[in-house]
């Protein structure tokens, strides 16, 4: 799995880092997202085969300064769109 940096946001003065996860072994590719904040991390893998769509989600997470705790809820809402 490759982890590609997407962006950073401040969450209570701490830097949160956002990543696009790319599964290398799957065909077609499968993508996910990860958030890291002060030793905490959360990720959701296998969100779909569209790199662009999952990248847009990761960018939206950064714009919204979503924390690892809130990742699952935001992804669940995104999947319902």
PDB file of N, CA and C in Angstrom:
ATOM      1  N   UNK A   1       0.846  -1.169   0.000  1.00  0.00           N
ATOM      2  CA  UNK A   1       0.000   0.000   0.000  1.00  0.00           C
ATOM      3  C   UNK A   1       0.898   1.240   0.000  1.00  0.00           C
ATOM      4  N   UNK A   2       0.505   2.198  -0.845  1.00  0.00           N
ATOM      5  CA  UNK A   2       1.212   3.477  -0.862  1.00  0.00           C
ATOM      6  C   UNK A   2       0.377   4.506  -0.125  1.00  0.00           C
ATOM      7  N   UNK A   3       1.057   5.404   0.554  1.00  0.00           N
ATOM      8  CA  UNK A   3       0.412   6.482   1.302  1.00  0.00           C
ATOM      9  C   UNK A   3       0.881   7.794   0.702  1.00  0.00           C
ATOM     10  N   UNK A   4      -0.051   8.551   0.094  1.00  0.00           N
ATOM     11  CA  UNK A   4       0.283   9.785  -0.592  1.00  0.00           C
ATOM     12  C   UNK A   4      -0.266  10.973   0.185  1.00  0.00           C
ATOM     13  N   UNK A   5       0.620  11.903   0.553  1.00  0.00           N
ATOM     14  CA  UNK A   5       0.226  13.092   1.313  1.00  0.00           C
ATOM     15  C   UNK A   5      -0.705  13.966   0.483  1.00  0.00           C
ATOM     16  N   UNK A   6      -1.826  14.385   1.095  1.00  0.00           N
ATOM     17  CA  UNK A   6      -2.813  15.224   0.414  1.00  0.00           C
ATOM     18  C   UNK A   6      -2.794  16.641   0.961  1.00  0.00           C
ATOM     19  N   UNK A   7      -2.693  16.778   2.281  1.00  0.00           N
ATOM     20  CA  UNK A   7      -2.710  18.113   2.857  1.00  0.00           C
ATOM     21  C   UNK A   7      -2.623  18.078   4.364  1.00  0.00           C
ATOM     22  N   UNK A   8      -2.654  19.270   4.940  1.00  0.00           N
ATOM     23  CA  UNK A   8      -2.542  19.424   6.384  1.00  0.00           C
ATOM     24  C   UNK A   8      -3.512  20.511   6.829  1.00  0.00           C
ATOM     25  N   UNK A   9      -4.060  20.344   8.019  1.00  0.00           N
ATOM     26  CA  UNK A   9      -4.957  21.346   8.598  1.00  0.00           C
ATOM     27  C   UNK A   9      -4.651  21.459  10.079  1.00  0.00           C
ATOM     28  N   UNK A  10      -5.011  22.569  10.668  1.00  0.00           N
ATOM     29  CA  UNK A  10      -4.831  22.777  12.110  1.00  0.00           C
ATOM     30  C   UNK A  10      -6.104  22.378  12.837  1.00  0.00           C
ATOM     31  N   UNK A  11      -5.950  21.526  13.812  1.00  0.00           N
ATOM     32  CA  UNK A  11      -7.047  21.096  14.675  1.00  0.00           C
ATOM     33  C   UNK A  11      -6.633  21.408  16.105  1.00  0.00           C
ATOM     34  N   UNK A  12      -7.231  22.439  16.682  1.00  0.00           N
ATOM     35  CA  UNK A  12      -6.850  22.891  18.024  1.00  0.00           C
ATOM     36  C   UNK A  12      -5.354  23.152  18.116  1.00  0.00           C
ATOM     37  N   UNK A  13      -4.846  23.853  17.133  1.00  0.00           N
ATOM     38  CA  UNK A  13      -3.440  24.265  17.033  1.00  0.00           C
ATOM     39  C   UNK A  13      -2.473  23.112  16.760  1.00  0.00           C
ATOM     40  N   UNK A  14      -2.973  21.911  16.533  1.00  0.00           N
ATOM     41  CA  UNK A  14      -2.124  20.769  16.210  1.00  0.00           C
ATOM     42  C   UNK A  14      -2.279  20.436  14.728  1.00  0.00           C
ATOM     43  N   UNK A  15      -1.199  20.028  14.082  1.00  0.00           N
ATOM     44  CA  UNK A  15      -1.300  19.693  12.661  1.00  0.00           C
ATOM     45  C   UNK A  15      -1.901  18.302  12.439  1.00  0.00           C
ATOM     46  N   UNK A  16      -2.946  18.261  11.642  1.00  0.00           N
ATOM     47  CA  UNK A  16      -3.523  16.988  11.200  1.00  0.00           C
ATOM     48  C   UNK A  16      -3.071  16.783   9.767  1.00  0.00           C
ATOM     49  N   UNK A  17      -2.644  15.573   9.454  1.00  0.00           N
ATOM     50  CA  UNK A  17      -2.152  15.260   8.107  1.00  0.00           C
ATOM     51  C   UNK A  17      -3.108  14.265   7.457  1.00  0.00           C
ATOM     52  N   UNK A  18      -3.353  14.491   6.171  1.00  0.00           N
ATOM     53  CA  UNK A  18      -4.341  13.716   5.409  1.00  0.00           C
ATOM     54  C   UNK A  18      -3.643  13.005   4.254  1.00  0.00           C
ATOM     55  N   UNK A  19      -4.029  11.736   4.055  1.00  0.00           N
ATOM     56  CA  UNK A  19      -3.380  10.902   3.048  1.00  0.00           C
ATOM     57  C   UNK A  19      -4.398  10.163   2.197  1.00  0.00           C
ATOM     58  N   UNK A  20      -4.011   9.923   0.948  1.00  0.00           N
ATOM     59  CA  UNK A  20      -4.727   9.030   0.055  1.00  0.00           C
ATOM     60  C   UNK A  20      -3.994   7.692   0.128  1.00  0.00           C
ATOM     61  N   UNK A  21      -4.720   6.626   0.362  1.00  0.00           N
ATOM     62  CA  UNK A  21      -4.131   5.289   0.413  1.00  0.00           C
ATOM     63  C   UNK A  21      -4.397   4.595  -0.916  1.00  0.00           C
ATOM     64  N   UNK A  22      -3.374   3.986  -1.475  1.00  0.00           N
ATOM     65  CA  UNK A  22      -3.494   3.316  -2.759  1.00  0.00           C
ATOM     66  C   UNK A  22      -3.044   1.866  -2.611  1.00  0.00           C
ATOM     67  N   UNK A  23      -3.978   0.954  -2.826  1.00  0.00           N
ATOM     68  CA  UNK A  23      -3.654  -0.477  -2.779  1.00  0.00           C
ATOM     69  C   UNK A  23      -2.946  -0.843  -4.071  1.00  0.00           C
ATOM     70  N   UNK A  24      -1.744  -1.340  -3.978  1.00  0.00           N
ATOM     71  CA  UNK A  24      -0.955  -1.638  -5.167  1.00  0.00           C
ATOM     72  C   UNK A  24      -1.266  -3.004  -5.762  1.00  0.00           C
ATOM     73  N   UNK A  25      -1.746  -3.917  -4.956  1.00  0.00           N
ATOM     74  CA  UNK A  25      -1.920  -5.291  -5.426  1.00  0.00           C
ATOM     75  C   UNK A  25      -3.268  -5.530  -6.093  1.00  0.00           C
ATOM     76  N   UNK A  26      -4.197  -4.613  -5.951  1.00  0.00           N
ATOM     77  CA  UNK A  26      -5.526  -4.868  -6.497  1.00  0.00           C
ATOM     78  C   UNK A  26      -5.653  -4.345  -7.924  1.00  0.00           C
ATOM     79  N   UNK A  27      -6.510  -4.984  -8.699  1.00  0.00           N
ATOM     80  CA  UNK A  27      -6.745  -4.581 -10.076  1.00  0.00           C
ATOM     81  C   UNK A  27      -8.235  -4.609 -10.336  1.00  0.00           C
ATOM     82  N   UNK A  28      -8.941  -3.535 -10.595  1.00  0.00           N
ATOM     83  CA  UNK A  28      -8.375  -2.197 -10.652  1.00  0.00           C
ATOM     84  C   UNK A  28      -7.997  -1.718  -9.256  1.00  0.00           C
ATOM     85  N   UNK A  29      -7.252  -0.636  -9.194  1.00  0.00           N
ATOM     86  CA  UNK A  29      -6.789  -0.108  -7.914  1.00  0.00           C
ATOM     87  C   UNK A  29      -7.933   0.184  -6.970  1.00  0.00           C
ATOM     88  N   UNK A  30      -7.638   0.154  -5.718  1.00  0.00           N
ATOM     89  CA  UNK A  30      -8.604   0.497  -4.687  1.00  0.00           C
ATOM     90  C   UNK A  30      -7.979   1.569  -3.816  1.00  0.00           C
ATOM     91  N   UNK A  31      -8.786   2.537  -3.391  1.00  0.00           N
ATOM     92  CA  UNK A  31      -8.274   3.698  -2.685  1.00  0.00           C
ATOM     93  C   UNK A  31      -8.973   3.894  -1.350  1.00  0.00           C
ATOM     94  N   UNK A  32      -8.254   4.511  -0.431  1.00  0.00           N
ATOM     95  CA  UNK A  32      -8.793   4.825   0.881  1.00  0.00           C
ATOM     96  C   UNK A  32      -8.196   6.134   1.375  1.00  0.00           C
ATOM     97  N   UNK A  33      -8.504   6.483   2.621  1.00  0.00           N
ATOM     98  CA  UNK A  33      -8.015   7.721   3.220  1.00  0.00           C
ATOM     99  C   UNK A  33      -7.477   7.439   4.615  1.00  0.00           C
ATOM    100  N   UNK A  34      -6.589   8.315   5.064  1.00  0.00           N
ATOM    101  CA  UNK A  34      -6.028   8.207   6.412  1.00  0.00           C
ATOM    102  C   UNK A  34      -5.814   9.601   6.974  1.00  0.00           C
ATOM    103  N   UNK A  35      -6.034   9.732   8.292  1.00  0.00           N
ATOM    104  CA  UNK A  35      -5.779  10.982   9.007  1.00  0.00           C
ATOM    105  C   UNK A  35      -4.858  10.664  10.178  1.00  0.00           C
ATOM    106  N   UNK A  36      -3.841  11.514  10.384  1.00  0.00           N
ATOM    107  CA  UNK A  36      -2.936  11.398  11.531  1.00  0.00           C
ATOM    108  C   UNK A  36      -2.965  12.706  12.305  1.00  0.00           C
ATOM    109  N   UNK A  37      -3.096  12.603  13.623  1.00  0.00           N
ATOM    110  CA  UNK A  37      -3.126  13.779  14.491  1.00  0.00           C
ATOM    111  C   UNK A  37      -2.537  13.420  15.838  1.00  0.00           C
ATOM    112  N   UNK A  38      -1.381  13.975  16.166  1.00  0.00           N
ATOM    113  CA  UNK A  38      -0.741  13.815  17.481  1.00  0.00           C
ATOM    114  C   UNK A  38      -0.744  12.372  17.992  1.00  0.00           C
ATOM    115  N   UNK A  39      -0.169  11.491  17.217  1.00  0.00           N
ATOM    116  CA  UNK A  39      -0.060  10.100  17.635  1.00  0.00           C
ATOM    117  C   UNK A  39      -1.307   9.258  17.398  1.00  0.00           C
ATOM    118  N   UNK A  40      -2.417   9.890  17.055  1.00  0.00           N
ATOM    119  CA  UNK A  40      -3.639   9.157  16.703  1.00  0.00           C
ATOM    120  C   UNK A  40      -3.699   9.019  15.199  1.00  0.00           C
ATOM    121  N   UNK A  41      -4.280   7.932  14.746  1.00  0.00           N
ATOM    122  CA  UNK A  41      -4.525   7.808  13.322  1.00  0.00           C
ATOM    123  C   UNK A  41      -5.769   6.970  13.098  1.00  0.00           C
ATOM    124  N   UNK A  42      -6.419   7.256  11.995  1.00  0.00           N
ATOM    125  CA  UNK A  42      -7.589   6.485  11.585  1.00  0.00           C
ATOM    126  C   UNK A  42      -7.542   6.375  10.072  1.00  0.00           C
ATOM    127  N   UNK A  43      -7.968   5.247   9.569  1.00  0.00           N
ATOM    128  CA  UNK A  43      -7.998   5.075   8.125  1.00  0.00           C
ATOM    129  C   UNK A  43      -9.206   4.247   7.731  1.00  0.00           C
ATOM    130  N   UNK A  44      -9.618   4.451   6.503  1.00  0.00           N
ATOM    131  CA  UNK A  44     -10.675   3.643   5.906  1.00  0.00           C
ATOM    132  C   UNK A  44     -10.149   3.232   4.540  1.00  0.00           C
ATOM    133  N   UNK A  45     -10.045   1.940   4.332  1.00  0.00           N
ATOM    134  CA  UNK A  45      -9.505   1.416   3.083  1.00  0.00           C
ATOM    135  C   UNK A  45     -10.631   0.932   2.191  1.00  0.00           C
ATOM    136  N   UNK A  46     -10.282   0.696   0.937  1.00  0.00           N
ATOM    137  CA  UNK A  46     -11.210   0.114  -0.048  1.00  0.00           C
ATOM    138  C   UNK A  46     -12.499   0.917  -0.216  1.00  0.00           C
ATOM    139  N   UNK A  47     -12.346   2.230  -0.393  1.00  0.00           N
ATOM    140  CA  UNK A  47     -13.520   3.074  -0.623  1.00  0.00           C
ATOM    141  C   UNK A  47     -13.993   3.030  -2.065  1.00  0.00           C
ATOM    142  N   UNK A  48     -13.169   2.556  -2.958  1.00  0.00           N
ATOM    143  CA  UNK A  48     -13.579   2.429  -4.343  1.00  0.00           C
ATOM    144  C   UNK A  48     -12.418   2.497  -5.305  1.00  0.00           C
ATOM    145  N   UNK A  49     -12.712   2.256  -6.597  1.00  0.00           N
ATOM    146  CA  UNK A  49     -11.664   2.228  -7.614  1.00  0.00           C
ATOM    147  C   UNK A  49     -11.348   3.592  -8.237  1.00  0.00           C
ATOM    148  N   UNK A  50     -12.134   4.622  -7.927  1.00  0.00           N
ATOM    149  CA  UNK A  50     -11.919   5.934  -8.529  1.00  0.00           C
ATOM    150  C   UNK A  50     -10.937   6.761  -7.705  1.00  0.00           C
ATOM    151  N   UNK A  51      -9.713   6.863  -8.223  1.00  0.00           N
ATOM    152  CA  UNK A  51      -8.691   7.644  -7.516  1.00  0.00           C
ATOM    153  C   UNK A  51      -9.151   9.085  -7.333  1.00  0.00           C
ATOM    154  N   UNK A  52      -9.731   9.675  -8.375  1.00  0.00           N
ATOM    155  CA  UNK A  52     -10.143  11.076  -8.324  1.00  0.00           C
ATOM    156  C   UNK A  52     -11.216  11.305  -7.258  1.00  0.00           C
ATOM    157  N   UNK A  53     -12.185  10.429  -7.196  1.00  0.00           N
ATOM    158  CA  UNK A  53     -13.283  10.591  -6.229  1.00  0.00           C
ATOM    159  C   UNK A  53     -12.780  10.486  -4.787  1.00  0.00           C
ATOM    160  N   UNK A  54     -11.919   9.526  -4.508  1.00  0.00           N
ATOM    161  CA  UNK A  54     -11.391   9.350  -3.151  1.00  0.00           C
ATOM    162  C   UNK A  54     -10.411  10.479  -2.816  1.00  0.00           C
ATOM    163  N   UNK A  55      -9.659  10.950  -3.802  1.00  0.00           N
ATOM    164  CA  UNK A  55      -8.781  12.099  -3.583  1.00  0.00           C
ATOM    165  C   UNK A  55      -9.611  13.335  -3.213  1.00  0.00           C
ATOM    166  N   UNK A  56     -10.727  13.535  -3.885  1.00  0.00           N
ATOM    167  CA  UNK A  56     -11.612  14.659  -3.549  1.00  0.00           C
ATOM    168  C   UNK A  56     -12.137  14.537  -2.117  1.00  0.00           C
ATOM    169  N   UNK A  57     -12.423  13.314  -1.679  1.00  0.00           N
ATOM    170  CA  UNK A  57     -12.834  13.100  -0.287  1.00  0.00           C
ATOM    171  C   UNK A  57     -11.704  13.495   0.659  1.00  0.00           C
ATOM    172  N   UNK A  58     -10.479  13.050   0.375  1.00  0.00           N
ATOM    173  CA  UNK A  58      -9.338  13.377   1.244  1.00  0.00           C
ATOM    174  C   UNK A  58      -9.121  14.888   1.316  1.00  0.00           C
ATOM    175  N   UNK A  59      -9.265  15.568   0.197  1.00  0.00           N
ATOM    176  CA  UNK A  59      -9.122  17.025   0.183  1.00  0.00           C
ATOM    177  C   UNK A  59     -10.232  17.697   0.993  1.00  0.00           C
ATOM    178  N   UNK A  60     -11.444  17.172   0.905  1.00  0.00           N
ATOM    179  CA  UNK A  60     -12.561  17.715   1.688  1.00  0.00           C
ATOM    180  C   UNK A  60     -12.338  17.486   3.183  1.00  0.00           C
ATOM    181  N   UNK A  61     -11.765  16.345   3.537  1.00  0.00           N
ATOM    182  CA  UNK A  61     -11.450  16.073   4.944  1.00  0.00           C
ATOM    183  C   UNK A  61     -10.467  17.113   5.468  1.00  0.00           C
ATOM    184  N   UNK A  62      -9.465  17.442   4.664  1.00  0.00           N
ATOM    185  CA  UNK A  62      -8.466  18.444   5.068  1.00  0.00           C
ATOM    186  C   UNK A  62      -9.111  19.830   5.190  1.00  0.00           C
ATOM    187  N   UNK A  63      -9.942  20.204   4.229  1.00  0.00           N
ATOM    188  CA  UNK A  63     -10.605  21.516   4.289  1.00  0.00           C
ATOM    189  C   UNK A  63     -11.486  21.631   5.527  1.00  0.00           C
ATOM    190  N   UNK A  64     -12.117  20.530   5.899  1.00  0.00           N
ATOM    191  CA  UNK A  64     -13.001  20.525   7.053  1.00  0.00           C
ATOM    192  C   UNK A  64     -12.295  20.251   8.368  1.00  0.00           C
ATOM    193  N   UNK A  65     -10.996  20.043   8.325  1.00  0.00           N
ATOM    194  CA  UNK A  65     -10.195  19.753   9.518  1.00  0.00           C
ATOM    195  C   UNK A  65     -10.800  18.602  10.328  1.00  0.00           C
ATOM    196  N   UNK A  66     -11.176  17.546   9.625  1.00  0.00           N
ATOM    197  CA  UNK A  66     -11.752  16.359  10.272  1.00  0.00           C
ATOM    198  C   UNK A  66     -10.653  15.654  11.061  1.00  0.00           C
ATOM    199  N   UNK A  67     -10.979  15.222  12.265  1.00  0.00           N
ATOM    200  CA  UNK A  67     -10.025  14.519  13.123  1.00  0.00           C
ATOM    201  C   UNK A  67     -10.174  13.010  12.939  1.00  0.00           C
ATOM    202  N   UNK A  68      -9.211  12.232  13.424  1.00  0.00           N
ATOM    203  CA  UNK A  68      -9.334  10.772  13.323  1.00  0.00           C
ATOM    204  C   UNK A  68     -10.626  10.238  13.950  1.00  0.00           C
ATOM    205  N   UNK A  69     -11.071  10.856  15.032  1.00  0.00           N
ATOM    206  CA  UNK A  69     -12.288  10.400  15.710  1.00  0.00           C
ATOM    207  C   UNK A  69     -13.519  10.542  14.810  1.00  0.00           C
ATOM    208  N   UNK A  70     -13.562  11.588  14.002  1.00  0.00           N
ATOM    209  CA  UNK A  70     -14.731  11.841  13.159  1.00  0.00           C
ATOM    210  C   UNK A  70     -14.677  11.229  11.778  1.00  0.00           C
ATOM    211  N   UNK A  71     -13.558  10.593  11.436  1.00  0.00           N
ATOM    212  CA  UNK A  71     -13.385  10.078  10.078  1.00  0.00           C
ATOM    213  C   UNK A  71     -14.487   9.114   9.665  1.00  0.00           C
ATOM    214  N   UNK A  72     -14.784   8.142  10.481  1.00  0.00           N
ATOM    215  CA  UNK A  72     -15.764   7.113  10.094  1.00  0.00           C
ATOM    216  C   UNK A  72     -17.136   7.728   9.811  1.00  0.00           C
ATOM    217  N   UNK A  73     -17.576   8.663  10.642  1.00  0.00           N
ATOM    218  CA  UNK A  73     -18.877   9.295  10.424  1.00  0.00           C
ATOM    219  C   UNK A  73     -18.917  10.057   9.107  1.00  0.00           C
ATOM    220  N   UNK A  74     -17.860  10.801   8.811  1.00  0.00           N
ATOM    221  CA  UNK A  74     -17.813  11.571   7.563  1.00  0.00           C
ATOM    222  C   UNK A  74     -17.796  10.628   6.361  1.00  0.00           C
ATOM    223  N   UNK A  75     -17.017   9.569   6.435  1.00  0.00           N
ATOM    224  CA  UNK A  75     -16.953   8.601   5.336  1.00  0.00           C
ATOM    225  C   UNK A  75     -18.308   7.924   5.143  1.00  0.00           C
ATOM    226  N   UNK A  76     -18.977   7.565   6.222  1.00  0.00           N
ATOM    227  CA  UNK A  76     -20.305   6.953   6.099  1.00  0.00           C
ATOM    228  C   UNK A  76     -21.262   7.880   5.363  1.00  0.00           C
ATOM    229  N   UNK A  77     -21.259   9.161   5.698  1.00  0.00           N
ATOM    230  CA  UNK A  77     -22.104  10.126   4.993  1.00  0.00           C
ATOM    231  C   UNK A  77     -21.708  10.233   3.525  1.00  0.00           C
ATOM    232  N   UNK A  78     -20.415  10.266   3.253  1.00  0.00           N
ATOM    233  CA  UNK A  78     -19.908  10.369   1.885  1.00  0.00           C
ATOM    234  C   UNK A  78     -20.350   9.174   1.044  1.00  0.00           C
ATOM    235  N   UNK A  79     -20.331   7.987   1.629  1.00  0.00           N
ATOM    236  CA  UNK A  79     -20.726   6.782   0.912  1.00  0.00           C
ATOM    237  C   UNK A  79     -22.210   6.806   0.554  1.00  0.00           C
ATOM    238  N   UNK A  80     -23.020   7.526   1.310  1.00  0.00           N
ATOM    239  CA  UNK A  80     -24.458   7.601   1.040  1.00  0.00           C
ATOM    240  C   UNK A  80     -24.811   8.591  -0.061  1.00  0.00           C
ATOM    241  N   UNK A  81     -23.846   9.427  -0.462  1.00  0.00           N
ATOM    242  CA  UNK A  81     -24.114  10.422  -1.512  1.00  0.00           C
ATOM    243  C   UNK A  81     -24.350   9.771  -2.853  1.00  0.00           C
TER     244      UNK A  81
END
